[in-house]
Amino acid sequence: MPLKFNNYAKRVGSRGKYEWFEWWVFMDEPHDRIDKVKSVEYRLHDTFPNPIRVVEDQNSNFALISEGWGEFLIFITIYFKDGTEEHTKYYLDLGKSWPPKVD
């Protein structure tokens, strides 16, 4: 079963004509599945400086923290400790607020 990702975002101001957001994308899985992962590579939109970002911090659920003004598709490669890899994608949703709303 493919690993799931999620995100949170918060508005931090404006830059020119754009609303600006800080956002977090992370692996949304139980720790027993996260324990099998060595690192996660996020391929951001080409307009980002250094659009390929690698995260090795398992304790953060391999969270990538960045900022920007628009939503886009993130291509993700998950590298497992056993040497295998999985490819997936995730659509960054700036409407998912931080802290998350609890019903």
PDB file of N, CA and C in Angstrom:
ATOM      1  N   MET A   1       0.843  -1.179   0.000  1.00  0.00           N
ATOM      2  CA  MET A   1       0.000   0.000   0.000  1.00  0.00           C
ATOM      3  C   MET A   1       0.894   1.249   0.000  1.00  0.00           C
ATOM      4  N   PRO A   2       0.636   2.196  -0.911  1.00  0.00           N
ATOM      5  CA  PRO A   2       1.487   3.397  -0.998  1.00  0.00           C
ATOM      6  C   PRO A   2       1.453   4.218   0.291  1.00  0.00           C
ATOM      7  N   LEU A   3       2.576   4.830   0.596  1.00  0.00           N
ATOM      8  CA  LEU A   3       2.665   5.690   1.768  1.00  0.00           C
ATOM      9  C   LEU A   3       1.926   6.995   1.496  1.00  0.00           C
ATOM     10  N   LYS A   4       1.266   7.516   2.545  1.00  0.00           N
ATOM     11  CA  LYS A   4       0.479   8.740   2.404  1.00  0.00           C
ATOM     12  C   LYS A   4       1.262   9.938   2.922  1.00  0.00           C
ATOM     13  N   PHE A   5       0.957  11.084   2.329  1.00  0.00           N
ATOM     14  CA  PHE A   5       1.529  12.357   2.751  1.00  0.00           C
ATOM     15  C   PHE A   5       0.402  13.321   3.063  1.00  0.00           C
ATOM     16  N   ASN A   6       0.739  14.367   3.789  1.00  0.00           N
ATOM     17  CA  ASN A   6      -0.232  15.393   4.162  1.00  0.00           C
ATOM     18  C   ASN A   6       0.516  16.713   4.248  1.00  0.00           C
ATOM     19  N   ASN A   7      -0.223  17.807   4.458  1.00  0.00           N
ATOM     20  CA  ASN A   7       0.439  19.096   4.629  1.00  0.00           C
ATOM     21  C   ASN A   7      -0.384  20.031   5.490  1.00  0.00           C
ATOM     22  N   TYR A   8       0.273  21.032   6.024  1.00  0.00           N
ATOM     23  CA  TYR A   8      -0.346  22.154   6.715  1.00  0.00           C
ATOM     24  C   TYR A   8       0.261  23.418   6.139  1.00  0.00           C
ATOM     25  N   ALA A   9      -0.503  24.516   6.208  1.00  0.00           N
ATOM     26  CA  ALA A   9      -0.003  25.797   5.720  1.00  0.00           C
ATOM     27  C   ALA A   9      -0.540  26.916   6.588  1.00  0.00           C
ATOM     28  N   LYS A  10       0.238  27.998   6.683  1.00  0.00           N
ATOM     29  CA  LYS A  10      -0.262  29.184   7.369  1.00  0.00           C
ATOM     30  C   LYS A  10       0.177  30.416   6.597  1.00  0.00           C
ATOM     31  N   ARG A  11      -0.733  31.366   6.515  1.00  0.00           N
ATOM     32  CA  ARG A  11      -0.459  32.626   5.818  1.00  0.00           C
ATOM     33  C   ARG A  11       0.492  33.434   6.681  1.00  0.00           C
ATOM     34  N   VAL A  12       1.549  33.956   6.057  1.00  0.00           N
ATOM     35  CA  VAL A  12       2.554  34.718   6.806  1.00  0.00           C
ATOM     36  C   VAL A  12       2.703  36.143   6.287  1.00  0.00           C
ATOM     37  N   GLY A  13       1.843  36.539   5.348  1.00  0.00           N
ATOM     38  CA  GLY A  13       1.907  37.905   4.845  1.00  0.00           C
ATOM     39  C   GLY A  13       1.734  37.955   3.345  1.00  0.00           C
ATOM     40  N   SER A  14       2.143  39.067   2.768  1.00  0.00           N
ATOM     41  CA  SER A  14       2.044  39.255   1.324  1.00  0.00           C
ATOM     42  C   SER A  14       3.403  39.649   0.775  1.00  0.00           C
ATOM     43  N   ARG A  15       3.620  39.268  -0.458  1.00  0.00           N
ATOM     44  CA  ARG A  15       4.814  39.695  -1.199  1.00  0.00           C
ATOM     45  C   ARG A  15       4.322  40.143  -2.566  1.00  0.00           C
ATOM     46  N   GLY A  16       4.367  41.432  -2.782  1.00  0.00           N
ATOM     47  CA  GLY A  16       3.818  41.957  -4.027  1.00  0.00           C
ATOM     48  C   GLY A  16       2.328  41.695  -4.067  1.00  0.00           C
ATOM     49  N   LYS A  17       1.868  41.102  -5.149  1.00  0.00           N
ATOM     50  CA  LYS A  17       0.434  40.828  -5.291  1.00  0.00           C
ATOM     51  C   LYS A  17       0.028  39.453  -4.771  1.00  0.00           C
ATOM     52  N   TYR A  18       0.953  38.716  -4.183  1.00  0.00           N
ATOM     53  CA  TYR A  18       0.676  37.350  -3.744  1.00  0.00           C
ATOM     54  C   TYR A  18       0.572  37.236  -2.226  1.00  0.00           C
ATOM     55  N   GLU A  19      -0.407  36.418  -1.775  1.00  0.00           N
ATOM     56  CA  GLU A  19      -0.419  36.009  -0.368  1.00  0.00           C
ATOM     57  C   GLU A  19       0.694  34.981  -0.212  1.00  0.00           C
ATOM     58  N   TRP A  20       1.437  35.068   0.883  1.00  0.00           N
ATOM     59  CA  TRP A  20       2.591  34.191   1.095  1.00  0.00           C
ATOM     60  C   TRP A  20       2.288  33.222   2.233  1.00  0.00           C
ATOM     61  N   PHE A  21       2.684  31.966   2.080  1.00  0.00           N
ATOM     62  CA  PHE A  21       2.402  30.914   3.052  1.00  0.00           C
ATOM     63  C   PHE A  21       3.683  30.186   3.439  1.00  0.00           C
ATOM     64  N   GLU A  22       3.760  29.820   4.705  1.00  0.00           N
ATOM     65  CA  GLU A  22       4.740  28.837   5.152  1.00  0.00           C
ATOM     66  C   GLU A  22       3.995  27.515   5.161  1.00  0.00           C
ATOM     67  N   TRP A  23       4.632  26.446   4.685  1.00  0.00           N
ATOM     68  CA  TRP A  23       3.948  25.164   4.632  1.00  0.00           C
ATOM     69  C   TRP A  23       4.872  24.007   5.013  1.00  0.00           C
ATOM     70  N   TRP A  24       4.233  22.941   5.453  1.00  0.00           N
ATOM     71  CA  TRP A  24       4.889  21.706   5.877  1.00  0.00           C
ATOM     72  C   TRP A  24       4.266  20.561   5.090  1.00  0.00           C
ATOM     73  N   VAL A  25       5.074  19.729   4.477  1.00  0.00           N
ATOM     74  CA  VAL A  25       4.620  18.483   3.854  1.00  0.00           C
ATOM     75  C   VAL A  25       5.309  17.359   4.608  1.00  0.00           C
ATOM     76  N   PHE A  26       4.565  16.319   4.946  1.00  0.00           N
ATOM     77  CA  PHE A  26       5.133  15.252   5.781  1.00  0.00           C
ATOM     78  C   PHE A  26       4.470  13.923   5.466  1.00  0.00           C
ATOM     79  N   MET A  27       5.149  12.847   5.853  1.00  0.00           N
ATOM     80  CA  MET A  27       4.609  11.505   5.715  1.00  0.00           C
ATOM     81  C   MET A  27       3.559  11.290   6.802  1.00  0.00           C
ATOM     82  N   ASP A  28       2.369  10.918   6.397  1.00  0.00           N
ATOM     83  CA  ASP A  28       1.238  10.755   7.318  1.00  0.00           C
ATOM     84  C   ASP A  28       0.956   9.268   7.513  1.00  0.00           C
ATOM     85  N   GLU A  29       1.856   8.641   8.248  1.00  0.00           N
ATOM     86  CA  GLU A  29       1.799   7.186   8.455  1.00  0.00           C
ATOM     87  C   GLU A  29       2.143   6.866   9.909  1.00  0.00           C
ATOM     88  N   PRO A  30       1.732   5.684  10.381  1.00  0.00           N
ATOM     89  CA  PRO A  30       2.143   5.247  11.718  1.00  0.00           C
ATOM     90  C   PRO A  30       3.659   5.029  11.780  1.00  0.00           C
ATOM     91  N   HIS A  31       4.196   5.099  12.978  1.00  0.00           N
ATOM     92  CA  HIS A  31       5.646   5.003  13.156  1.00  0.00           C
ATOM     93  C   HIS A  31       6.234   3.677  12.685  1.00  0.00           C
ATOM     94  N   ASP A  32       5.466   2.584  12.738  1.00  0.00           N
ATOM     95  CA  ASP A  32       6.027   1.307  12.282  1.00  0.00           C
ATOM     96  C   ASP A  32       6.311   1.331  10.781  1.00  0.00           C
ATOM     97  N   ARG A  33       5.555   2.110  10.014  1.00  0.00           N
ATOM     98  CA  ARG A  33       5.836   2.246   8.570  1.00  0.00           C
ATOM     99  C   ARG A  33       6.949   3.261   8.334  1.00  0.00           C
ATOM    100  N   ILE A  34       6.955   4.344   9.106  1.00  0.00           N
ATOM    101  CA  ILE A  34       7.986   5.373   8.971  1.00  0.00           C
ATOM    102  C   ILE A  34       9.359   4.811   9.326  1.00  0.00           C
ATOM    103  N   ASP A  35       9.406   3.884  10.271  1.00  0.00           N
ATOM    104  CA  ASP A  35      10.670   3.275  10.700  1.00  0.00           C
ATOM    105  C   ASP A  35      11.412   2.572   9.563  1.00  0.00           C
ATOM    106  N   LYS A  36      10.712   2.204   8.509  1.00  0.00           N
ATOM    107  CA  LYS A  36      11.332   1.492   7.390  1.00  0.00           C
ATOM    108  C   LYS A  36      11.958   2.431   6.363  1.00  0.00           C
ATOM    109  N   VAL A  37      11.744   3.754   6.535  1.00  0.00           N
ATOM    110  CA  VAL A  37      12.171   4.741   5.546  1.00  0.00           C
ATOM    111  C   VAL A  37      13.519   5.333   5.930  1.00  0.00           C
ATOM    112  N   LYS A  38      14.410   5.467   4.959  1.00  0.00           N
ATOM    113  CA  LYS A  38      15.723   6.081   5.166  1.00  0.00           C
ATOM    114  C   LYS A  38      15.669   7.588   4.895  1.00  0.00           C
ATOM    115  N   SER A  39      15.027   7.981   3.774  1.00  0.00           N
ATOM    116  CA  SER A  39      14.932   9.402   3.426  1.00  0.00           C
ATOM    117  C   SER A  39      13.803   9.610   2.423  1.00  0.00           C
ATOM    118  N   VAL A  40      13.419  10.875   2.286  1.00  0.00           N
ATOM    119  CA  VAL A  40      12.370  11.246   1.330  1.00  0.00           C
ATOM    120  C   VAL A  40      12.896  12.395   0.481  1.00  0.00           C
ATOM    121  N   GLU A  41      12.766  12.244  -0.837  1.00  0.00           N
ATOM    122  CA  GLU A  41      13.161  13.294  -1.764  1.00  0.00           C
ATOM    123  C   GLU A  41      11.896  13.956  -2.317  1.00  0.00           C
ATOM    124  N   TYR A  42      11.818  15.287  -2.142  1.00  0.00           N
ATOM    125  CA  TYR A  42      10.701  16.070  -2.652  1.00  0.00           C
ATOM    126  C   TYR A  42      11.186  16.864  -3.866  1.00  0.00           C
ATOM    127  N   ARG A  43      10.474  16.748  -4.969  1.00  0.00           N
ATOM    128  CA  ARG A  43      10.788  17.546  -6.160  1.00  0.00           C
ATOM    129  C   ARG A  43       9.705  18.619  -6.270  1.00  0.00           C
ATOM    130  N   LEU A  44      10.112  19.857  -5.941  1.00  0.00           N
ATOM    131  CA  LEU A  44       9.186  20.984  -5.944  1.00  0.00           C
ATOM    132  C   LEU A  44       9.056  21.562  -7.350  1.00  0.00           C
ATOM    133  N   HIS A  45       8.169  22.524  -7.485  1.00  0.00           N
ATOM    134  CA  HIS A  45       7.996  23.226  -8.759  1.00  0.00           C
ATOM    135  C   HIS A  45       9.339  23.820  -9.178  1.00  0.00           C
ATOM    136  N   ASP A  46       9.604  23.852 -10.460  1.00  0.00           N
ATOM    137  CA  ASP A  46      10.897  24.311 -10.986  1.00  0.00           C
ATOM    138  C   ASP A  46      11.220  25.759 -10.649  1.00  0.00           C
ATOM    139  N   THR A  47      10.242  26.543 -10.234  1.00  0.00           N
ATOM    140  CA  THR A  47      10.501  27.947  -9.891  1.00  0.00           C
ATOM    141  C   THR A  47      11.161  28.097  -8.526  1.00  0.00           C
ATOM    142  N   PHE A  48      11.221  27.027  -7.730  1.00  0.00           N
ATOM    143  CA  PHE A  48      11.881  27.081  -6.423  1.00  0.00           C
ATOM    144  C   PHE A  48      13.390  27.015  -6.591  1.00  0.00           C
ATOM    145  N   PRO A  49      14.120  27.798  -5.770  1.00  0.00           N
ATOM    146  CA  PRO A  49      15.568  27.574  -5.747  1.00  0.00           C
ATOM    147  C   PRO A  49      15.819  26.178  -5.170  1.00  0.00           C
ATOM    148  N   ASN A  50      16.744  25.464  -5.722  1.00  0.00           N
ATOM    149  CA  ASN A  50      17.031  24.092  -5.267  1.00  0.00           C
ATOM    150  C   ASN A  50      15.733  23.281  -5.172  1.00  0.00           C
ATOM    151  N   PRO A  51      15.070  23.008  -6.293  1.00  0.00           N
ATOM    152  CA  PRO A  51      13.765  22.350  -6.234  1.00  0.00           C
ATOM    153  C   PRO A  51      13.784  20.904  -5.755  1.00  0.00           C
ATOM    154  N   ILE A  52      14.954  20.278  -5.707  1.00  0.00           N
ATOM    155  CA  ILE A  52      15.035  18.908  -5.182  1.00  0.00           C
ATOM    156  C   ILE A  52      15.537  18.989  -3.753  1.00  0.00           C
ATOM    157  N   ARG A  53      14.697  18.550  -2.812  1.00  0.00           N
ATOM    158  CA  ARG A  53      15.020  18.624  -1.387  1.00  0.00           C
ATOM    159  C   ARG A  53      14.953  17.214  -0.793  1.00  0.00           C
ATOM    160  N   VAL A  54      15.971  16.840  -0.046  1.00  0.00           N
ATOM    161  CA  VAL A  54      16.018  15.526   0.593  1.00  0.00           C
ATOM    162  C   VAL A  54      15.925  15.715   2.099  1.00  0.00           C
ATOM    163  N   VAL A  55      15.018  14.961   2.720  1.00  0.00           N
ATOM    164  CA  VAL A  55      14.818  15.025   4.167  1.00  0.00           C
ATOM    165  C   VAL A  55      15.137  13.654   4.749  1.00  0.00           C
ATOM    166  N   GLU A  56      15.983  13.647   5.793  1.00  0.00           N
ATOM    167  CA  GLU A  56      16.380  12.392   6.440  1.00  0.00           C
ATOM    168  C   GLU A  56      15.925  12.311   7.890  1.00  0.00           C
ATOM    169  N   ASP A  57      15.161  13.287   8.366  1.00  0.00           N
ATOM    170  CA  ASP A  57      14.736  13.353   9.770  1.00  0.00           C
ATOM    171  C   ASP A  57      13.467  12.535   9.997  1.00  0.00           C
ATOM    172  N   GLN A  58      13.660  11.306  10.426  1.00  0.00           N
ATOM    173  CA  GLN A  58      12.545  10.402  10.685  1.00  0.00           C
ATOM    174  C   GLN A  58      11.652  10.929  11.806  1.00  0.00           C
ATOM    175  N   ASN A  59      12.224  11.595  12.814  1.00  0.00           N
ATOM    176  CA  ASN A  59      11.439  12.084  13.950  1.00  0.00           C
ATOM    177  C   ASN A  59      10.408  13.138  13.558  1.00  0.00           C
ATOM    178  N   SER A  60      10.627  13.821  12.444  1.00  0.00           N
ATOM    179  CA  SER A  60       9.671  14.829  11.973  1.00  0.00           C
ATOM    180  C   SER A  60       8.682  14.245  10.960  1.00  0.00           C
ATOM    181  N   ASN A  61       8.682  12.932  10.801  1.00  0.00           N
ATOM    182  CA  ASN A  61       7.908  12.264   9.751  1.00  0.00           C
ATOM    183  C   ASN A  61       8.363  12.735   8.369  1.00  0.00           C
ATOM    184  N   PHE A  62       9.674  13.003   8.265  1.00  0.00           N
ATOM    185  CA  PHE A  62      10.298  13.435   7.020  1.00  0.00           C
ATOM    186  C   PHE A  62       9.644  14.718   6.491  1.00  0.00           C
ATOM    187  N   ALA A  63       9.375  15.642   7.409  1.00  0.00           N
ATOM    188  CA  ALA A  63       8.705  16.897   7.047  1.00  0.00           C
ATOM    189  C   ALA A  63       9.636  17.827   6.286  1.00  0.00           C
ATOM    190  N   LEU A  64       9.097  18.408   5.238  1.00  0.00           N
ATOM    191  CA  LEU A  64       9.764  19.468   4.502  1.00  0.00           C
ATOM    192  C   LEU A  64       9.024  20.757   4.824  1.00  0.00           C
ATOM    193  N   ILE A  65       9.750  21.771   5.283  1.00  0.00           N
ATOM    194  CA  ILE A  65       9.164  23.067   5.594  1.00  0.00           C
ATOM    195  C   ILE A  65       9.703  24.072   4.590  1.00  0.00           C
ATOM    196  N   SER A  66       8.784  24.777   3.948  1.00  0.00           N
ATOM    197  CA  SER A  66       9.178  25.762   2.956  1.00  0.00           C
ATOM    198  C   SER A  66       8.114  26.848   2.904  1.00  0.00           C
ATOM    199  N   GLU A  67       8.208  27.722   1.920  1.00  0.00           N
ATOM    200  CA  GLU A  67       7.213  28.781   1.785  1.00  0.00           C
ATOM    201  C   GLU A  67       7.038  29.151   0.327  1.00  0.00           C
ATOM    202  N   GLY A  68       5.887  29.765   0.057  1.00  0.00           N
ATOM    203  CA  GLY A  68       5.593  30.186  -1.299  1.00  0.00           C
ATOM    204  C   GLY A  68       4.177  30.705  -1.397  1.00  0.00           C
ATOM    205  N   TRP A  69       3.737  30.978  -2.617  1.00  0.00           N
ATOM    206  CA  TRP A  69       2.435  31.598  -2.809  1.00  0.00           C
ATOM    207  C   TRP A  69       1.418  30.713  -3.510  1.00  0.00           C
ATOM    208  N   GLY A  70       1.823  29.590  -4.079  1.00  0.00           N
ATOM    209  CA  GLY A  70       0.865  28.817  -4.869  1.00  0.00           C
ATOM    210  C   GLY A  70       0.872  27.340  -4.552  1.00  0.00           C
ATOM    211  N   GLU A  71      -0.212  26.692  -4.970  1.00  0.00           N
ATOM    212  CA  GLU A  71      -0.347  25.249  -4.825  1.00  0.00           C
ATOM    213  C   GLU A  71       0.240  24.575  -6.060  1.00  0.00           C
ATOM    214  N   PHE A  72       0.771  23.372  -5.882  1.00  0.00           N
ATOM    215  CA  PHE A  72       1.382  22.659  -7.000  1.00  0.00           C
ATOM    216  C   PHE A  72       1.556  21.193  -6.636  1.00  0.00           C
ATOM    217  N   LEU A  73       1.852  20.392  -7.635  1.00  0.00           N
ATOM    218  CA  LEU A  73       2.079  18.964  -7.461  1.00  0.00           C
ATOM    219  C   LEU A  73       3.541  18.724  -7.088  1.00  0.00           C
ATOM    220  N   ILE A  74       3.758  17.992  -6.003  1.00  0.00           N
ATOM    221  CA  ILE A  74       5.103  17.639  -5.537  1.00  0.00           C
ATOM    222  C   ILE A  74       5.350  16.168  -5.901  1.00  0.00           C
ATOM    223  N   PHE A  75       6.448  15.913  -6.581  1.00  0.00           N
ATOM    224  CA  PHE A  75       6.830  14.537  -6.899  1.00  0.00           C
ATOM    225  C   PHE A  75       7.752  14.043  -5.799  1.00  0.00           C
ATOM    226  N   ILE A  76       7.477  12.844  -5.293  1.00  0.00           N
ATOM    227  CA  ILE A  76       8.147  12.336  -4.101  1.00  0.00           C
ATOM    228  C   ILE A  76       8.763  10.972  -4.382  1.00  0.00           C
ATOM    229  N   THR A  77      10.005  10.798  -3.935  1.00  0.00           N
ATOM    230  CA  THR A  77      10.649   9.489  -3.950  1.00  0.00           C
ATOM    231  C   THR A  77      10.969   9.123  -2.510  1.00  0.00           C
ATOM    232  N   ILE A  78      10.497   7.960  -2.082  1.00  0.00           N
ATOM    233  CA  ILE A  78      10.756   7.451  -0.740  1.00  0.00           C
ATOM    234  C   ILE A  78      11.843   6.384  -0.859  1.00  0.00           C
ATOM    235  N   TYR A  79      12.929   6.575  -0.114  1.00  0.00           N
ATOM    236  CA  TYR A  79      14.030   5.610  -0.098  1.00  0.00           C
ATOM    237  C   TYR A  79      13.941   4.804   1.191  1.00  0.00           C
ATOM    238  N   PHE A  80      13.823   3.490   1.044  1.00  0.00           N
ATOM    239  CA  PHE A  80      13.686   2.608   2.198  1.00  0.00           C
ATOM    240  C   PHE A  80      15.050   2.105   2.659  1.00  0.00           C
ATOM    241  N   LYS A  81      15.109   1.720   3.913  1.00  0.00           N
ATOM    242  CA  LYS A  81      16.345   1.207   4.503  1.00  0.00           C
ATOM    243  C   LYS A  81      16.810  -0.083   3.833  1.00  0.00           C
ATOM    244  N   ASP A  82      15.883  -0.844   3.235  1.00  0.00           N
ATOM    245  CA  ASP A  82      16.253  -2.101   2.579  1.00  0.00           C
ATOM    246  C   ASP A  82      16.772  -1.896   1.153  1.00  0.00           C
ATOM    247  N   GLY A  83      16.906  -0.620   0.715  1.00  0.00           N
ATOM    248  CA  GLY A  83      17.450  -0.326  -0.604  1.00  0.00           C
ATOM    249  C   GLY A  83      16.405  -0.128  -1.693  1.00  0.00           C
ATOM    250  N   THR A  84      15.148  -0.393  -1.405  1.00  0.00           N
ATOM    251  CA  THR A  84      14.095  -0.181  -2.400  1.00  0.00           C
ATOM    252  C   THR A  84      13.620   1.269  -2.344  1.00  0.00           C
ATOM    253  N   GLU A  85      12.810   1.639  -3.330  1.00  0.00           N
ATOM    254  CA  GLU A  85      12.256   2.987  -3.348  1.00  0.00           C
ATOM    255  C   GLU A  85      10.833   2.950  -3.888  1.00  0.00           C
ATOM    256  N   GLU A  86      10.093   3.982  -3.545  1.00  0.00           N
ATOM    257  CA  GLU A  86       8.711   4.123  -3.993  1.00  0.00           C
ATOM    258  C   GLU A  86       8.534   5.543  -4.515  1.00  0.00           C
ATOM    259  N   HIS A  87       7.778   5.673  -5.592  1.00  0.00           N
ATOM    260  CA  HIS A  87       7.509   6.984  -6.180  1.00  0.00           C
ATOM    261  C   HIS A  87       6.033   7.311  -6.010  1.00  0.00           C
ATOM    262  N   THR A  88       5.759   8.542  -5.633  1.00  0.00           N
ATOM    263  CA  THR A  88       4.383   9.000  -5.485  1.00  0.00           C
ATOM    264  C   THR A  88       4.347  10.497  -5.753  1.00  0.00           C
ATOM    265  N   LYS A  89       3.194  11.078  -5.632  1.00  0.00           N
ATOM    266  CA  LYS A  89       3.069  12.528  -5.767  1.00  0.00           C
ATOM    267  C   LYS A  89       2.030  13.023  -4.776  1.00  0.00           C
ATOM    268  N   TYR A  90       2.119  14.307  -4.483  1.00  0.00           N
ATOM    269  CA  TYR A  90       1.215  14.919  -3.512  1.00  0.00           C
ATOM    270  C   TYR A  90       0.924  16.347  -3.950  1.00  0.00           C
ATOM    271  N   TYR A  91      -0.352  16.743  -3.886  1.00  0.00           N
ATOM    272  CA  TYR A  91      -0.737  18.093  -4.259  1.00  0.00           C
ATOM    273  C   TYR A  91      -0.743  18.974  -3.018  1.00  0.00           C
ATOM    274  N   LEU A  92       0.098  19.998  -3.001  1.00  0.00           N
ATOM    275  CA  LEU A  92       0.182  20.931  -1.877  1.00  0.00           C
ATOM    276  C   LEU A  92      -1.092  21.767  -1.823  1.00  0.00           C
ATOM    277  N   ASP A  93      -1.795  21.717  -0.689  1.00  0.00           N
ATOM    278  CA  ASP A  93      -3.058  22.431  -0.482  1.00  0.00           C
ATOM    279  C   ASP A  93      -2.850  23.517   0.564  1.00  0.00           C
ATOM    280  N   LEU A  94      -2.811  24.780   0.138  1.00  0.00           N
ATOM    281  CA  LEU A  94      -2.579  25.888   1.069  1.00  0.00           C
ATOM    282  C   LEU A  94      -3.797  26.186   1.935  1.00  0.00           C
ATOM    283  N   GLY A  95      -4.899  25.523   1.701  1.00  0.00           N
ATOM    284  CA  GLY A  95      -6.095  25.684   2.521  1.00  0.00           C
ATOM    285  C   GLY A  95      -6.091  24.834   3.784  1.00  0.00           C
ATOM    286  N   LYS A  96      -5.099  23.966   3.942  1.00  0.00           N
ATOM    287  CA  LYS A  96      -4.997  23.128   5.153  1.00  0.00           C
ATOM    288  C   LYS A  96      -4.245  23.920   6.215  1.00  0.00           C
ATOM    289  N   SER A  97      -4.987  24.521   7.113  1.00  0.00           N
ATOM    290  CA  SER A  97      -4.385  25.483   8.041  1.00  0.00           C
ATOM    291  C   SER A  97      -3.623  24.810   9.180  1.00  0.00           C
ATOM    292  N   TRP A  98      -2.659  25.564   9.719  1.00  0.00           N
ATOM    293  CA  TRP A  98      -1.900  25.165  10.889  1.00  0.00           C
ATOM    294  C   TRP A  98      -2.142  26.190  11.965  1.00  0.00           C
ATOM    295  N   PRO A  99      -2.458  25.836  13.183  1.00  0.00           N
ATOM    296  CA  PRO A  99      -2.632  24.434  13.598  1.00  0.00           C
ATOM    297  C   PRO A  99      -3.890  23.839  13.003  1.00  0.00           C
ATOM    298  N   PRO A 100      -3.919  22.516  12.866  1.00  0.00           N
ATOM    299  CA  PRO A 100      -5.091  21.894  12.248  1.00  0.00           C
ATOM    300  C   PRO A 100      -6.346  22.169  13.072  1.00  0.00           C
ATOM    301  N   LYS A 101      -7.452  22.312  12.376  1.00  0.00           N
ATOM    302  CA  LYS A 101      -8.735  22.541  13.060  1.00  0.00           C
ATOM    303  C   LYS A 101      -9.256  21.219  13.597  1.00  0.00           C
ATOM    304  N   VAL A 102      -9.697  21.218  14.841  1.00  0.00           N
ATOM    305  CA  VAL A 102     -10.245  20.007  15.469  1.00  0.00           C
ATOM    306  C   VAL A 102     -11.748  20.171  15.541  1.00  0.00           C
ATOM    307  N   ASP A 103     -12.466  19.186  15.036  1.00  0.00           N
ATOM    308  CA  ASP A 103     -13.950  19.238  15.060  1.00  0.00           C
ATOM    309  C   ASP A 103     -14.500  18.832  16.392  1.00  0.00           C
TER     310      ASP A 103
END
